[in-house]
PDB file of N, CA and C in Angstrom:
ATOM      1  N   MET A   1     101.783  60.194-136.123  1.00  0.00           N
ATOM      2  CA  MET A   1     100.432  60.736-135.459  1.00  0.00           C
ATOM      3  C   MET A   1     100.108  61.791-136.593  1.00  0.00           C
ATOM      4  N   ALA A   2      99.089  62.135-136.699  1.00  0.00           N
ATOM      5  CA  ALA A   2      98.498  63.381-137.686  1.00  0.00           C
ATOM      6  C   ALA A   2      99.076  64.404-137.497  1.00  0.00           C
ATOM      7  N   GLU A   3      99.344  65.502-138.224  1.00  0.00           N
ATOM      8  CA  GLU A   3      99.833  66.977-137.693  1.00  0.00           C
ATOM      9  C   GLU A   3      98.755  67.740-137.199  1.00  0.00           C
ATOM     10  N   ARG A   4      98.385  68.619-136.546  1.00  0.00           N
ATOM     11  CA  ARG A   4      97.593  69.217-136.226  1.00  0.00           C
ATOM     12  C   ARG A   4      97.765  70.448-136.169  1.00  0.00           C
ATOM     13  N   ARG A   5      96.382  70.966-137.197  1.00  0.00           N
ATOM     14  CA  ARG A   5      96.141  72.259-137.917  1.00  0.00           C
ATOM     15  C   ARG A   5      96.336  73.393-136.885  1.00  0.00           C
ATOM     16  N   PRO A   6      96.663  74.189-137.065  1.00  0.00           N
ATOM     17  CA  PRO A   6      96.793  75.534-136.138  1.00  0.00           C
ATOM     18  C   PRO A   6      95.279  75.856-135.955  1.00  0.00           C
ATOM     19  N   LYS A   7      94.772  76.728-134.967  1.00  0.00           N
ATOM     20  CA  LYS A   7      93.246  77.320-134.698  1.00  0.00           C
ATOM     21  C   LYS A   7      93.189  78.141-135.449  1.00  0.00           C
ATOM     22  N   ARG A   8      92.153  78.202-136.116  1.00  0.00           N
ATOM     23  CA  ARG A   8      91.409  79.066-136.936  1.00  0.00           C
ATOM     24  C   ARG A   8      91.061  80.485-136.342  1.00  0.00           C
ATOM     25  N   ILE A   9      92.034  81.094-136.931  1.00  0.00           N
ATOM     26  CA  ILE A   9      91.454  82.742-136.197  1.00  0.00           C
ATOM     27  C   ILE A   9      90.055  83.558-137.063  1.00  0.00           C
ATOM     28  N   ARG A  10      89.028  83.168-136.121  1.00  0.00           N
ATOM     29  CA  ARG A  10      87.262  84.272-136.459  1.00  0.00           C
ATOM     30  C   ARG A  10      87.741  85.318-136.425  1.00  0.00           C
ATOM     31  N   SER A  11      86.466  85.631-137.387  1.00  0.00           N
ATOM     32  CA  SER A  11      87.119  87.534-137.378  1.00  0.00           C
ATOM     33  C   SER A  11      85.919  87.829-135.995  1.00  0.00           C
ATOM     34  N   VAL A  12      85.941  89.098-135.864  1.00  0.00           N
ATOM     35  CA  VAL A  12      84.839  89.833-134.577  1.00  0.00           C
ATOM     36  C   VAL A  12      82.947  89.631-134.953  1.00  0.00           C
ATOM     37  N   GLU A  13      83.028  89.563-136.239  1.00  0.00           N
ATOM     38  CA  GLU A  13      81.426  89.251-136.761  1.00  0.00           C
ATOM     39  C   GLU A  13      81.058  88.101-136.406  1.00  0.00           C
ATOM     40  N   TYR A  14      81.931  87.591-137.433  1.00  0.00           N
ATOM     41  CA  TYR A  14      81.201  85.906-137.022  1.00  0.00           C
ATOM     42  C   TYR A  14      80.962  85.639-135.946  1.00  0.00           C
ATOM     43  N   GLY A  15      82.101  85.610-134.825  1.00  0.00           N
ATOM     44  CA  GLY A  15      81.919  85.807-133.305  1.00  0.00           C
ATOM     45  C   GLY A  15      80.629  86.434-132.915  1.00  0.00           C
ATOM     46  N   LEU A  16      80.122  87.059-133.716  1.00  0.00           N
ATOM     47  CA  LEU A  16      78.542  87.911-132.891  1.00  0.00           C
ATOM     48  C   LEU A  16      77.404  87.260-133.444  1.00  0.00           C
ATOM     49  N   LYS A  17      77.674  86.718-134.606  1.00  0.00           N
ATOM     50  CA  LYS A  17      76.893  85.818-135.359  1.00  0.00           C
ATOM     51  C   LYS A  17      76.720  84.321-135.132  1.00  0.00           C
ATOM     52  N   LYS A  18      77.695  83.598-134.222  1.00  0.00           N
ATOM     53  CA  LYS A  18      77.247  82.396-133.745  1.00  0.00           C
ATOM     54  C   LYS A  18      76.533  83.084-132.444  1.00  0.00           C
ATOM     55  N   LYS A  19      76.999  83.996-131.653  1.00  0.00           N
ATOM     56  CA  LYS A  19      76.535  83.971-130.250  1.00  0.00           C
ATOM     57  C   LYS A  19      75.034  84.120-130.859  1.00  0.00           C
ATOM     58  N   GLY A  20      74.624  85.143-131.619  1.00  0.00           N
ATOM     59  CA  GLY A  20      73.349  85.248-132.132  1.00  0.00           C
ATOM     60  C   GLY A  20      72.383  84.024-131.895  1.00  0.00           C
ATOM     61  N   TYR A  21      73.081  83.228-133.062  1.00  0.00           N
ATOM     62  CA  TYR A  21      72.624  81.793-133.008  1.00  0.00           C
ATOM     63  C   TYR A  21      72.289  80.761-131.694  1.00  0.00           C
ATOM     64  N   ASP A  22      73.560  80.810-131.002  1.00  0.00           N
ATOM     65  CA  ASP A  22      73.655  79.949-129.908  1.00  0.00           C
ATOM     66  C   ASP A  22      72.612  80.366-128.539  1.00  0.00           C
ATOM     67  N   GLN A  23      72.668  81.876-128.750  1.00  0.00           N
ATOM     68  CA  GLN A  23      71.038  82.295-128.481  1.00  0.00           C
ATOM     69  C   GLN A  23      69.604  82.149-128.769  1.00  0.00           C
ATOM     70  N   ALA A  24      69.256  82.013-130.193  1.00  0.00           N
ATOM     71  CA  ALA A  24      67.962  81.902-130.586  1.00  0.00           C
ATOM     72  C   ALA A  24      68.294  80.167-130.667  1.00  0.00           C
ATOM     73  N   ARG A  25      68.747  79.378-130.945  1.00  0.00           N
ATOM     74  CA  ARG A  25      68.586  77.543-130.530  1.00  0.00           C
ATOM     75  C   ARG A  25      68.574  77.523-128.645  1.00  0.00           C
ATOM     76  N   GLY A  26      68.997  78.057-128.328  1.00  0.00           N
ATOM     77  CA  GLY A  26      68.560  78.552-126.865  1.00  0.00           C
ATOM     78  C   GLY A  26      67.063  78.530-126.508  1.00  0.00           C
ATOM     79  N   LYS A  27      66.513  79.479-127.301  1.00  0.00           N
ATOM     80  CA  LYS A  27      64.986  79.739-126.241  1.00  0.00           C
ATOM     81  C   LYS A  27      64.267  78.703-126.851  1.00  0.00           C
ATOM     82  N   CYS A  28      64.474  78.096-127.667  1.00  0.00           N
ATOM     83  CA  CYS A  28      63.573  76.997-128.043  1.00  0.00           C
ATOM     84  C   CYS A  28      63.866  75.495-127.401  1.00  0.00           C
ATOM     85  N   ARG A  29      65.393  75.286-126.486  1.00  0.00           N
ATOM     86  CA  ARG A  29      65.426  74.379-125.700  1.00  0.00           C
ATOM     87  C   ARG A  29      64.764  73.942-124.660  1.00  0.00           C
ATOM     88  N   VAL A  30      64.215  72.927-124.361  1.00  0.00           N
ATOM     89  CA  VAL A  30      63.525  72.417-122.858  1.00  0.00           C
ATOM     90  C   VAL A  30      64.331  71.513-122.167  1.00  0.00           C
ATOM     91  N   ASN A  31      64.120  71.783-121.082  1.00  0.00           N
ATOM     92  CA  ASN A  31      65.224  70.443-119.955  1.00  0.00           C
ATOM     93  C   ASN A  31      64.193  69.659-119.743  1.00  0.00           C
ATOM     94  N   ILE A  32      64.345  68.400-119.568  1.00  0.00           N
ATOM     95  CA  ILE A  32      63.643  67.261-119.123  1.00  0.00           C
ATOM     96  C   ILE A  32      64.022  66.537-118.202  1.00  0.00           C
ATOM     97  N   GLY A  33      65.254  67.109-117.791  1.00  0.00           N
ATOM     98  CA  GLY A  33      65.702  66.322-116.419  1.00  0.00           C
ATOM     99  C   GLY A  33      66.164  65.635-116.688  1.00  0.00           C
ATOM    100  N   GLU A  34      65.716  64.208-116.020  1.00  0.00           N
ATOM    101  CA  GLU A  34      65.901  62.698-115.520  1.00  0.00           C
ATOM    102  C   GLU A  34      65.049  62.311-116.497  1.00  0.00           C
ATOM    103  N   ALA A  35      64.517  62.730-117.267  1.00  0.00           N
ATOM    104  CA  ALA A  35      63.492  61.840-118.008  1.00  0.00           C
ATOM    105  C   ALA A  35      64.383  61.639-119.773  1.00  0.00           C
ATOM    106  N   PHE A  36      65.351  62.156-119.704  1.00  0.00           N
ATOM    107  CA  PHE A  36      66.449  62.392-121.013  1.00  0.00           C
ATOM    108  C   PHE A  36      66.788  61.260-121.450  1.00  0.00           C
ATOM    109  N   GLN A  37      67.206  60.170-120.300  1.00  0.00           N
ATOM    110  CA  GLN A  37      67.142  58.823-121.086  1.00  0.00           C
ATOM    111  C   GLN A  37      66.281  58.052-121.676  1.00  0.00           C
ATOM    112  N   ARG A  38      65.194  58.607-120.895  1.00  0.00           N
ATOM    113  CA  ARG A  38      64.180  57.833-121.366  1.00  0.00           C
ATOM    114  C   ARG A  38      62.998  57.906-122.426  1.00  0.00           C
ATOM    115  N   TRP A  39      63.664  59.300-122.816  1.00  0.00           N
ATOM    116  CA  TRP A  39      63.489  59.979-124.263  1.00  0.00           C
ATOM    117  C   TRP A  39      64.409  59.399-125.060  1.00  0.00           C
ATOM    118  N   ARG A  40      65.415  59.504-124.920  1.00  0.00           N
ATOM    119  CA  ARG A  40      66.413  58.954-125.525  1.00  0.00           C
ATOM    120  C   ARG A  40      66.514  57.470-126.130  1.00  0.00           C
ATOM    121  N   ASP A  41      65.886  56.956-125.209  1.00  0.00           N
ATOM    122  CA  ASP A  41      65.195  55.379-125.601  1.00  0.00           C
ATOM    123  C   ASP A  41      64.157  55.574-126.773  1.00  0.00           C
ATOM    124  N   LEU A  42      63.373  56.318-126.174  1.00  0.00           N
ATOM    125  CA  LEU A  42      62.158  56.007-127.122  1.00  0.00           C
ATOM    126  C   LEU A  42      61.830  56.332-128.387  1.00  0.00           C
ATOM    127  N   ARG A  43      63.031  57.678-128.635  1.00  0.00           N
ATOM    128  CA  ARG A  43      63.889  57.792-130.136  1.00  0.00           C
ATOM    129  C   ARG A  43      64.292  56.923-131.127  1.00  0.00           C
ATOM    130  N   GLU A  44      65.368  56.085-130.117  1.00  0.00           N
ATOM    131  CA  GLU A  44      65.441  54.708-130.423  1.00  0.00           C
ATOM    132  C   GLU A  44      64.364  54.054-130.967  1.00  0.00           C
ATOM    133  N   LEU A  45      64.201  53.745-130.200  1.00  0.00           N
ATOM    134  CA  LEU A  45      63.140  51.977-130.234  1.00  0.00           C
ATOM    135  C   LEU A  45      61.688  52.788-131.205  1.00  0.00           C
ATOM    136  N   LEU A  46      61.003  53.834-131.402  1.00  0.00           N
ATOM    137  CA  LEU A  46      60.166  54.373-132.604  1.00  0.00           C
ATOM    138  C   LEU A  46      60.874  54.683-133.797  1.00  0.00           C
ATOM    139  N   GLY A  47      62.050  54.588-133.923  1.00  0.00           N
ATOM    140  CA  GLY A  47      63.326  54.774-135.193  1.00  0.00           C
ATOM    141  C   GLY A  47      62.976  55.779-135.144  1.00  0.00           C
ATOM    142  N   LEU A  48      62.959  57.167-134.789  1.00  0.00           N
ATOM    143  CA  LEU A  48      63.050  58.746-135.128  1.00  0.00           C
ATOM    144  C   LEU A  48      64.091  59.589-135.094  1.00  0.00           C
ATOM    145  N   LYS A  49      64.211  60.151-136.138  1.00  0.00           N
ATOM    146  CA  LYS A  49      65.603  60.850-136.226  1.00  0.00           C
ATOM    147  C   LYS A  49      65.425  62.043-135.439  1.00  0.00           C
ATOM    148  N   LEU A  50      64.452  63.178-134.781  1.00  0.00           N
ATOM    149  CA  LEU A  50      64.656  64.008-134.668  1.00  0.00           C
ATOM    150  C   LEU A  50      63.383  64.323-133.579  1.00  0.00           C
ATOM    151  N   ASP A  51      64.360  64.785-132.323  1.00  0.00           N
ATOM    152  CA  ASP A  51      63.210  65.731-131.016  1.00  0.00           C
ATOM    153  C   ASP A  51      62.145  65.510-131.269  1.00  0.00           C
ATOM    154  N   ALA A  52      62.046  66.485-132.352  1.00  0.00           N
ATOM    155  CA  ALA A  52      60.648  66.974-132.333  1.00  0.00           C
ATOM    156  C   ALA A  52      59.651  66.333-133.260  1.00  0.00           C
ATOM    157  N   ASP A  53      60.016  65.003-133.554  1.00  0.00           N
ATOM    158  CA  ASP A  53      59.247  63.879-133.861  1.00  0.00           C
ATOM    159  C   ASP A  53      58.702  63.159-132.976  1.00  0.00           C
ATOM    160  N   VAL A  54      59.619  63.179-131.766  1.00  0.00           N
ATOM    161  CA  VAL A  54      59.532  62.260-130.404  1.00  0.00           C
ATOM    162  C   VAL A  54      58.376  63.041-130.352  1.00  0.00           C
ATOM    163  N   ALA A  55      58.785  64.330-129.943  1.00  0.00           N
ATOM    164  CA  ALA A  55      57.232  65.543-129.459  1.00  0.00           C
ATOM    165  C   ALA A  55      55.776  65.151-129.851  1.00  0.00           C
ATOM    166  N   LEU A  56      55.939  65.395-131.364  1.00  0.00           N
ATOM    167  CA  LEU A  56      54.953  65.140-132.297  1.00  0.00           C
ATOM    168  C   LEU A  56      54.282  64.124-131.857  1.00  0.00           C
ATOM    169  N   PHE A  57      54.975  62.522-132.023  1.00  0.00           N
ATOM    170  CA  PHE A  57      54.391  61.282-131.527  1.00  0.00           C
ATOM    171  C   PHE A  57      53.763  60.802-130.505  1.00  0.00           C
ATOM    172  N   LEU A  58      54.553  61.807-129.211  1.00  0.00           N
ATOM    173  CA  LEU A  58      53.811  61.861-127.858  1.00  0.00           C
ATOM    174  C   LEU A  58      52.754  63.138-128.111  1.00  0.00           C
ATOM    175  N   LEU A  59      52.815  64.239-127.953  1.00  0.00           N
ATOM    176  CA  LEU A  59      51.207  64.806-128.529  1.00  0.00           C
ATOM    177  C   LEU A  59      50.096  63.880-129.429  1.00  0.00           C
ATOM    178  N   ASP A  60      50.659  63.226-130.314  1.00  0.00           N
ATOM    179  CA  ASP A  60      49.414  63.016-130.891  1.00  0.00           C
ATOM    180  C   ASP A  60      48.650  61.624-130.133  1.00  0.00           C
ATOM    181  N   ARG A  61      49.177  61.124-129.246  1.00  0.00           N
ATOM    182  CA  ARG A  61      49.398  59.931-128.444  1.00  0.00           C
ATOM    183  C   ARG A  61      48.367  60.436-127.386  1.00  0.00           C
ATOM    184  N   CYS A  62      48.611  61.786-126.837  1.00  0.00           N
ATOM    185  CA  CYS A  62      48.009  61.912-125.643  1.00  0.00           C
ATOM    186  C   CYS A  62      46.981  62.561-125.619  1.00  0.00           C
ATOM    187  N   ALA A  63      46.788  63.333-127.282  1.00  0.00           N
ATOM    188  CA  ALA A  63      45.757  63.938-127.844  1.00  0.00           C
ATOM    189  C   ALA A  63      44.516  61.958-128.108  1.00  0.00           C
ATOM    190  N   THR A  64      44.925  61.494-129.022  1.00  0.00           N
ATOM    191  CA  THR A  64      44.214  60.349-128.980  1.00  0.00           C
ATOM    192  C   THR A  64      43.440  59.445-127.574  1.00  0.00           C
ATOM    193  N   MET A  65      44.431  59.723-126.858  1.00  0.00           N
ATOM    194  CA  MET A  65      44.013  59.107-124.876  1.00  0.00           C
ATOM    195  C   MET A  65      43.045  60.032-124.787  1.00  0.00           C
ATOM    196  N   PHE A  66      42.943  61.168-124.821  1.00  0.00           N
ATOM    197  CA  PHE A  66      42.263  62.166-124.121  1.00  0.00           C
ATOM    198  C   PHE A  66      40.758  61.961-124.505  1.00  0.00           C
ATOM    199  N   HIS A  67      41.004  61.660-126.106  1.00  0.00           N
ATOM    200  CA  HIS A  67      39.863  62.173-126.790  1.00  0.00           C
ATOM    201  C   HIS A  67      39.315  60.582-126.347  1.00  0.00           C
ATOM    202  N   THR A  68      39.595  59.615-126.813  1.00  0.00           N
ATOM    203  CA  THR A  68      38.429  58.365-126.322  1.00  0.00           C
ATOM    204  C   THR A  68      38.478  58.100-125.199  1.00  0.00           C
ATOM    205  N   ALA A  69      39.753  58.653-124.149  1.00  0.00           N
ATOM    206  CA  ALA A  69      38.813  58.213-122.644  1.00  0.00           C
ATOM    207  C   ALA A  69      38.163  59.239-122.051  1.00  0.00           C
ATOM    208  N   SER A  70      37.914  60.497-122.299  1.00  0.00           N
ATOM    209  CA  SER A  70      36.481  62.051-122.237  1.00  0.00           C
ATOM    210  C   SER A  70      35.994  62.370-123.086  1.00  0.00           C
ATOM    211  N   ARG A  71      34.445  61.555-123.453  1.00  0.00           N
ATOM    212  CA  ARG A  71      34.227  61.940-124.892  1.00  0.00           C
ATOM    213  C   ARG A  71      33.023  62.598-124.033  1.00  0.00           C
ATOM    214  N   SER A  72      32.782  63.025-122.819  1.00  0.00           N
ATOM    215  CA  SER A  72      31.701  64.057-122.146  1.00  0.00           C
ATOM    216  C   SER A  72      32.885  65.391-121.872  1.00  0.00           C
ATOM    217  N   ILE A  73      34.058  65.121-121.711  1.00  0.00           N
ATOM    218  CA  ILE A  73      34.403  67.152-121.902  1.00  0.00           C
ATOM    219  C   ILE A  73      33.948  67.503-123.565  1.00  0.00           C
ATOM    220  N   SER A  74      34.134  68.855-123.188  1.00  0.00           N
ATOM    221  CA  SER A  74      33.999  69.277-123.940  1.00  0.00           C
ATOM    222  C   SER A  74      34.822  70.257-125.141  1.00  0.00           C
ATOM    223  N   PHE A  75      35.675  70.589-123.947  1.00  0.00           N
ATOM    224  CA  PHE A  75      37.405  71.237-124.753  1.00  0.00           C
ATOM    225  C   PHE A  75      37.954  70.213-124.143  1.00  0.00           C
ATOM    226  N   CYS A  76      38.917  70.185-124.995  1.00  0.00           N
ATOM    227  CA  CYS A  76      40.112  69.120-125.551  1.00  0.00           C
ATOM    228  C   CYS A  76      41.361  70.472-125.115  1.00  0.00           C
ATOM    229  N   PRO A  77      42.197  70.163-124.161  1.00  0.00           N
ATOM    230  CA  PRO A  77      43.234  70.964-123.199  1.00  0.00           C
ATOM    231  C   PRO A  77      44.801  70.559-124.696  1.00  0.00           C
ATOM    232  N   ILE A  78      44.600  69.764-124.815  1.00  0.00           N
ATOM    233  CA  ILE A  78      45.893  69.518-126.038  1.00  0.00           C
ATOM    234  C   ILE A  78      45.567  69.854-126.926  1.00  0.00           C
ATOM    235  N   CYS A  79      44.853  69.737-127.562  1.00  0.00           N
ATOM    236  CA  CYS A  79      44.818  70.345-129.123  1.00  0.00           C
ATOM    237  C   CYS A  79      43.225  71.723-129.311  1.00  0.00           C
ATOM    238  N   GLN A  80      43.468  71.927-128.503  1.00  0.00           N
ATOM    239  CA  GLN A  80      42.159  72.886-128.276  1.00  0.00           C
ATOM    240  C   GLN A  80      41.240  72.451-128.846  1.00  0.00           C
ATOM    241  N   CYS A  81      40.748  71.572-129.019  1.00  0.00           N
ATOM    242  CA  CYS A  81      38.826  71.354-130.294  1.00  0.00           C
ATOM    243  C   CYS A  81      38.144  71.050-129.508  1.00  0.00           C
ATOM    244  N   LEU A  82      36.703  71.579-130.020  1.00  0.00           N
ATOM    245  CA  LEU A  82      35.608  71.397-128.980  1.00  0.00           C
ATOM    246  C   LEU A  82      35.108  69.690-129.314  1.00  0.00           C
TER     247      LEU A  82
END
C-alpha cells in the first residue's frame, strides 16, 4: 500500500484567504433542492460542462417561449425588454 504523506501545516494567512474565498463562493450559490438531480440530468443530456451554461440555456428558452406565447404583453419580465 502506498505511504501516506503527513498533513501539510498551513499558515494562518492561507486559512484566512481560503475562508474569504469560501465566503465569496457561497454568496453566488443557489439551493435548488429537489430539482438538483433533474438539473444534473439536463446538464448531461445537453452536453454542457458548467452549471452557468444550464442556467443560460433555461433563461434563453424561457424568454423565447414567453415572447412567442404572449405578443400582447408590452414588457417581458425575463429579459426586461419592451
